[in-house]
Amino acid sequence: MNIRGDKLYDLDCPMIMGIINLTPDSFYKESRLGNSSRILERIEAMVLAGAQIIDVGGVSTRAGADLLTSEEELNRIIPVIGAIRKLYPNILISVDTFRADVAKEAVQNGANIINDVYAGRFDDQMFDTVAELQVPYILMHSRGDASNMQDLCQYHDVAEEVCLELSESLQLLRSKGVKDVIIDPGFGFAKNLEQNYELFRNLDLLKILDCPILLGVSRKSMIYKLLDSTAQEALNGTSVLNALGLMNDAAIIRVHDVKEANEVAKIVSMLKK
């Protein structure tokens, strides 16, 4: 996969994506980074712990979250993307945004990947922008938006329908000349607890799309609600699902806890030899 214009990456070897939330209202309070020194400290810790990708997001997608304006979103993310690029010139940067103008400016300031939770539905210019920029695009399955997604969990077969809906978007991206697409099943987005686990059990089905798969389950409610705990107590459950996902050939795991994820990846790699 051509993630940087001058370098190809083999996603047969799993990569770890560390989450940097520049929002005051992320569902996991430990990921809320209030000032620049804490942000840079967290990024440094992630890089030292083995993250190959840093995912920078400026807008929360939790229900009822403030969407901000494009200008406000850019004011949050561009200085951080610039700092990462300066401090760690070889690290990959993903921008977590659903706005085409934000995605474009982020790439122009050093981001390598666009990570869009709404798969182009929020902004009808997104797919054309990705095609213009020719950067990898993370196509995540979701329905609706933060205000109504949990009212849109009606599936006859969740795995088949997620695969079908992703394939339709993938075909549109391909028709526009987008070459490098990463698939994210969208755990927790327009899926209830049981549907999340049914989808996870059927991850193999997504391989028919012939794209690398990103697994994003870190500390999500599908873990802590099942275990009757909290996001703060969901690291063990996260590690279990990450291990199972890597055993099932996930190419990227998106996590808050990079050190633990790297340990999981090393153990799974040994098991798969």
Protein backbone atom coordinates (compact mmCIF):
# COMPACT_ATOMS: atom_id res chain seq x y z
CA MET A 1 0.00 0.00 0.00
CA ASN A 2 1.33 3.42 -0.97
CA ILE A 3 0.91 5.33 2.30
CA ARG A 4 3.67 7.83 1.59
CA GLY A 5 4.41 8.86 -1.95
CA ASP A 6 8.02 7.74 -1.68
CA LYS A 7 7.48 4.50 0.23
CA LEU A 8 5.34 1.37 0.02
CA TYR A 9 4.11 -0.37 3.16
CA ASP A 10 3.38 -4.09 3.42
CA LEU A 11 0.30 -4.40 5.62
CA ASP A 12 0.78 -8.15 5.86
CA CYS A 13 2.79 -7.12 8.95
CA PRO A 14 0.27 -5.55 11.36
CA MET A 15 0.65 -1.91 12.34
CA ILE A 16 -0.36 -0.14 15.55
CA MET A 17 -2.21 3.17 15.36
CA GLY A 18 -2.14 5.32 18.48
CA ILE A 19 -5.16 7.54 19.18
CA ILE A 20 -4.64 11.24 19.92
CA ASN A 21 -7.95 12.91 20.79
CA LEU A 22 -7.80 16.70 20.78
CA THR A 23 -11.31 16.88 22.20
CA PRO A 24 -12.49 17.71 25.72
CA ASP A 25 -15.31 15.15 25.60
CA SER A 26 -13.88 11.83 24.37
CA PHE A 27 -15.72 8.81 25.84
CA TYR A 28 -12.44 7.66 27.45
CA LYS A 29 -11.40 10.41 29.84
CA GLU A 30 -7.74 9.39 29.96
CA SER A 31 -7.46 10.23 26.25
CA ARG A 32 -8.57 13.83 26.77
CA LEU A 33 -5.40 15.87 26.42
CA GLY A 34 -5.86 19.40 27.67
CA ASN A 35 -2.62 21.17 26.76
CA SER A 36 0.22 21.01 24.27
CA SER A 37 2.79 19.56 26.67
CA ARG A 38 0.53 16.65 27.58
CA ILE A 39 -0.23 16.03 23.92
CA LEU A 40 3.45 15.89 22.96
CA GLU A 41 4.24 13.69 25.97
CA ARG A 42 1.51 11.24 24.94
CA ILE A 43 2.73 11.17 21.33
CA GLU A 44 6.31 10.56 22.45
CA ALA A 45 5.19 7.71 24.70
CA MET A 46 3.25 6.15 21.83
CA VAL A 47 6.18 6.38 19.42
CA LEU A 48 8.57 4.89 21.98
CA ALA A 49 6.06 2.10 22.70
CA GLY A 50 5.95 1.08 19.05
CA ALA A 51 3.18 3.00 17.31
CA GLN A 52 3.74 3.25 13.56
CA ILE A 53 0.73 5.53 12.97
CA ILE A 54 -0.59 8.43 15.06
CA ASP A 55 -4.29 9.15 14.49
CA VAL A 56 -5.12 12.80 15.22
CA GLY A 57 -8.75 13.82 15.70
CA GLY A 58 -10.29 17.13 16.66
CA VAL A 59 -14.03 16.35 16.76
CA SER A 60 -15.75 13.80 18.98
CA THR A 61 -18.23 11.40 17.35
CA ARG A 62 -20.00 10.46 20.58
CA ALA A 63 -23.77 11.10 20.72
CA GLY A 64 -24.55 14.76 21.27
CA ALA A 65 -20.99 15.92 20.66
CA ASP A 66 -20.25 19.44 19.42
CA LEU A 67 -19.39 19.15 15.71
CA LEU A 68 -17.42 22.41 15.67
CA THR A 69 -16.75 24.35 12.47
CA SER A 70 -14.04 23.40 9.99
CA GLU A 71 -11.99 26.36 11.22
CA GLU A 72 -12.25 25.26 14.84
CA GLU A 73 -11.36 21.69 13.91
CA LEU A 74 -8.33 22.83 11.92
CA ASN A 75 -7.19 25.05 14.79
CA ARG A 76 -7.09 21.97 16.99
CA ILE A 77 -5.36 19.54 14.66
CA ILE A 78 -2.99 21.42 12.34
CA PRO A 79 -0.50 22.54 15.03
CA VAL A 80 -0.32 18.99 16.36
CA ILE A 81 0.12 17.42 12.93
CA GLY A 82 2.89 19.95 12.22
CA ALA A 83 4.61 19.16 15.52
CA ILE A 84 4.46 15.41 14.92
CA ARG A 85 5.87 15.79 11.43
CA LYS A 86 8.73 17.93 12.73
CA LEU A 87 9.59 15.72 15.72
CA TYR A 88 9.02 12.34 14.06
CA PRO A 89 9.57 12.74 10.32
CA ASN A 90 9.21 9.01 9.64
CA ILE A 91 6.01 8.37 11.62
CA LEU A 92 2.77 8.00 9.70
CA ILE A 93 0.00 10.46 10.57
CA SER A 94 -3.69 9.77 10.11
CA VAL A 95 -6.24 12.57 10.30
CA ASP A 96 -9.55 11.53 11.85
CA THR A 97 -12.04 13.81 10.10
CA PHE A 98 -15.24 13.64 8.08
CA ARG A 99 -14.75 17.01 6.34
CA ALA A 100 -13.06 17.19 2.94
CA ASP A 101 -11.57 20.67 3.48
CA VAL A 102 -10.08 19.61 6.81
CA ALA A 103 -8.70 16.41 5.27
CA LYS A 104 -7.07 18.34 2.44
CA GLU A 105 -5.40 20.90 4.69
CA ALA A 106 -4.25 18.17 7.08
CA VAL A 107 -2.57 16.28 4.23
CA GLN A 108 -0.97 19.47 2.96
CA ASN A 109 0.48 19.94 6.46
CA GLY A 110 1.92 16.46 6.78
CA ALA A 111 -0.83 13.88 7.29
CA ASN A 112 -0.52 10.67 5.28
CA ILE A 113 -3.91 8.97 5.74
CA ILE A 114 -7.55 10.13 5.92
CA ASN A 115 -9.71 8.34 8.49
CA ASP A 116 -13.41 9.08 7.89
CA VAL A 117 -15.97 7.62 10.30
CA TYR A 118 -18.85 8.64 8.02
CA ALA A 119 -17.44 7.11 4.81
CA GLY A 120 -18.09 10.22 2.74
CA ARG A 121 -21.72 10.63 3.80
CA PHE A 122 -21.16 13.80 5.84
CA ASP A 123 -19.32 15.61 3.03
CA ASP A 124 -20.07 14.76 -0.60
CA GLN A 125 -16.68 16.20 -1.61
CA MET A 126 -14.71 13.72 0.46
CA PHE A 127 -14.26 10.96 -2.14
CA ASP A 128 -13.23 13.46 -4.83
CA THR A 129 -10.76 15.01 -2.39
CA VAL A 130 -9.24 11.63 -1.57
CA ALA A 131 -8.93 10.91 -5.29
CA GLU A 132 -7.23 14.27 -5.83
CA LEU A 133 -4.81 13.79 -2.95
CA GLN A 134 -4.11 10.11 -3.73
CA VAL A 135 -3.58 9.17 -0.08
CA PRO A 136 -4.87 6.05 1.67
CA TYR A 137 -8.43 6.34 2.93
CA ILE A 138 -9.93 4.50 5.88
CA LEU A 139 -13.49 3.63 4.90
CA MET A 140 -15.47 2.96 8.07
CA HIS A 141 -18.93 1.46 8.18
CA SER A 142 -21.54 3.52 9.97
CA ARG A 143 -25.09 4.71 9.51
CA GLY A 144 -26.55 8.11 10.30
CA ASP A 145 -24.47 10.38 12.50
CA ALA A 146 -23.63 10.83 16.17
CA SER A 147 -27.15 12.00 16.96
CA ASN A 148 -29.06 9.03 15.55
CA MET A 149 -26.73 6.14 14.70
CA GLN A 150 -27.94 3.94 17.56
CA ASP A 151 -31.47 4.18 16.15
CA LEU A 152 -30.24 2.60 12.90
CA CYS A 153 -29.26 -0.86 14.13
CA GLN A 154 -31.79 -2.82 12.09
CA TYR A 155 -30.02 -5.66 10.24
CA HIS A 156 -31.18 -8.99 8.85
CA ASP A 157 -27.55 -10.17 8.88
CA VAL A 158 -25.17 -7.57 10.29
CA ALA A 159 -21.97 -8.99 8.79
CA GLU A 160 -23.43 -9.39 5.31
CA GLU A 161 -25.05 -5.95 5.31
CA VAL A 162 -21.93 -4.22 6.62
CA CYS A 163 -19.93 -5.93 3.89
CA LEU A 164 -22.47 -4.93 1.23
CA GLU A 165 -22.64 -1.28 2.34
CA LEU A 166 -18.87 -1.03 2.46
CA SER A 167 -18.57 -2.63 -0.99
CA GLU A 168 -20.88 -0.01 -2.49
CA SER A 169 -18.73 2.82 -1.13
CA LEU A 170 -15.58 0.98 -2.17
CA GLN A 171 -16.85 0.68 -5.75
CA LEU A 172 -17.49 4.43 -5.85
CA LEU A 173 -14.00 5.16 -4.55
CA ARG A 174 -12.48 2.83 -7.14
CA SER A 175 -14.46 4.52 -9.91
CA LYS A 176 -12.86 7.83 -8.89
CA GLY A 177 -9.38 6.35 -9.03
CA VAL A 178 -8.73 5.84 -5.32
CA LYS A 179 -6.26 2.95 -5.09
CA ASP A 180 -5.47 2.50 -1.40
CA VAL A 181 -8.46 1.82 0.84
CA ILE A 182 -8.44 0.39 4.36
CA ILE A 183 -11.68 -1.11 5.69
CA ASP A 184 -12.95 -0.43 9.22
CA PRO A 185 -16.05 -2.44 10.24
CA GLY A 186 -17.11 0.39 12.54
CA PHE A 187 -17.60 -1.36 15.86
CA GLY A 188 -19.99 0.64 18.01
CA PHE A 189 -21.33 2.72 15.14
CA ALA A 190 -24.97 1.86 14.36
CA LYS A 191 -24.54 -1.55 16.00
CA ASN A 192 -25.81 -2.79 19.33
CA LEU A 193 -23.85 -5.00 21.73
CA GLU A 194 -24.89 -8.32 20.21
CA GLN A 195 -24.39 -7.07 16.65
CA ASN A 196 -20.85 -5.92 17.44
CA TYR A 197 -19.90 -9.43 18.53
CA GLU A 198 -21.72 -11.09 15.66
CA LEU A 199 -19.79 -8.83 13.27
CA PHE A 200 -16.53 -9.62 15.05
CA ARG A 201 -17.17 -13.35 14.76
CA ASN A 202 -17.58 -12.89 11.01
CA LEU A 203 -14.60 -10.65 10.25
CA ASP A 204 -13.53 -13.21 7.65
CA LEU A 205 -16.42 -12.10 5.46
CA LEU A 206 -14.82 -8.66 5.00
CA LYS A 207 -11.82 -10.25 3.32
CA ILE A 208 -13.94 -10.55 0.18
CA LEU A 209 -13.43 -6.77 -0.23
CA ASP A 210 -9.71 -7.41 -0.75
CA CYS A 211 -8.61 -4.47 1.40
CA PRO A 212 -6.57 -4.30 4.61
CA ILE A 213 -8.79 -4.32 7.71
CA LEU A 214 -8.47 -1.86 10.59
CA LEU A 215 -9.74 -3.01 13.97
CA GLY A 216 -10.94 -0.22 16.27
CA VAL A 217 -12.33 -1.62 19.51
CA SER A 218 -10.13 0.11 22.08
CA ARG A 219 -11.99 0.54 25.38
CA LYS A 220 -15.35 0.72 23.57
CA SER A 221 -18.73 0.09 25.16
CA MET A 222 -18.98 -3.33 23.47
CA ILE A 223 -16.31 -4.33 25.99
CA TYR A 224 -17.17 -2.49 29.16
CA LYS A 225 -20.94 -2.93 28.92
CA LEU A 226 -20.53 -6.67 28.47
CA LEU A 227 -18.20 -6.80 31.49
CA ASP A 228 -20.33 -4.40 33.55
CA SER A 229 -17.39 -2.05 34.02
CA THR A 230 -16.15 1.23 32.54
CA ALA A 231 -13.93 2.44 29.71
CA GLN A 232 -11.19 2.98 32.29
CA GLU A 233 -11.34 -0.74 33.19
CA ALA A 234 -11.56 -2.08 29.63
CA LEU A 235 -7.89 -2.67 28.81
CA ASN A 236 -7.98 -6.45 29.34
CA GLY A 237 -11.03 -6.82 27.13
CA THR A 238 -9.41 -4.62 24.50
CA SER A 239 -6.31 -6.80 24.47
CA VAL A 240 -8.39 -9.97 24.07
CA LEU A 241 -10.25 -8.58 21.05
CA ASN A 242 -7.07 -7.16 19.53
CA ALA A 243 -5.42 -10.58 19.79
CA LEU A 244 -8.39 -12.28 18.16
CA GLY A 245 -8.51 -9.65 15.43
CA LEU A 246 -4.81 -10.04 14.68
CA MET A 247 -5.20 -13.81 14.58
CA ASN A 248 -7.87 -13.14 11.97
CA ASP A 249 -5.44 -11.04 9.88
CA ALA A 250 -6.37 -7.49 10.91
CA ALA A 251 -3.76 -5.19 9.34
CA ILE A 252 -4.03 -2.23 11.74
CA ILE A 253 -5.20 -2.03 15.34
CA ARG A 254 -6.27 1.42 16.53
CA VAL A 255 -5.64 1.80 20.26
CA HIS A 256 -5.30 4.11 23.24
CA ASP A 257 -2.73 1.79 24.87
CA VAL A 258 0.16 1.29 22.48
CA LYS A 259 2.56 -0.61 24.75
CA GLU A 260 -0.02 -3.27 25.55
CA ALA A 261 -1.12 -3.50 21.91
CA ASN A 262 2.48 -3.96 20.79
CA GLU A 263 2.89 -6.82 23.28
CA VAL A 264 -0.27 -8.45 21.92
CA ALA A 265 1.01 -8.07 18.36
CA LYS A 266 4.36 -9.66 19.22
CA ILE A 267 2.70 -12.68 20.86
CA VAL A 268 0.27 -13.15 17.97
CA SER A 269 3.11 -12.85 15.48
CA MET A 270 4.97 -15.64 17.27
CA LEU A 271 1.86 -17.85 17.31
CA LYS A 272 1.33 -17.35 13.58
CA LYS A 273 4.88 -18.31 12.56
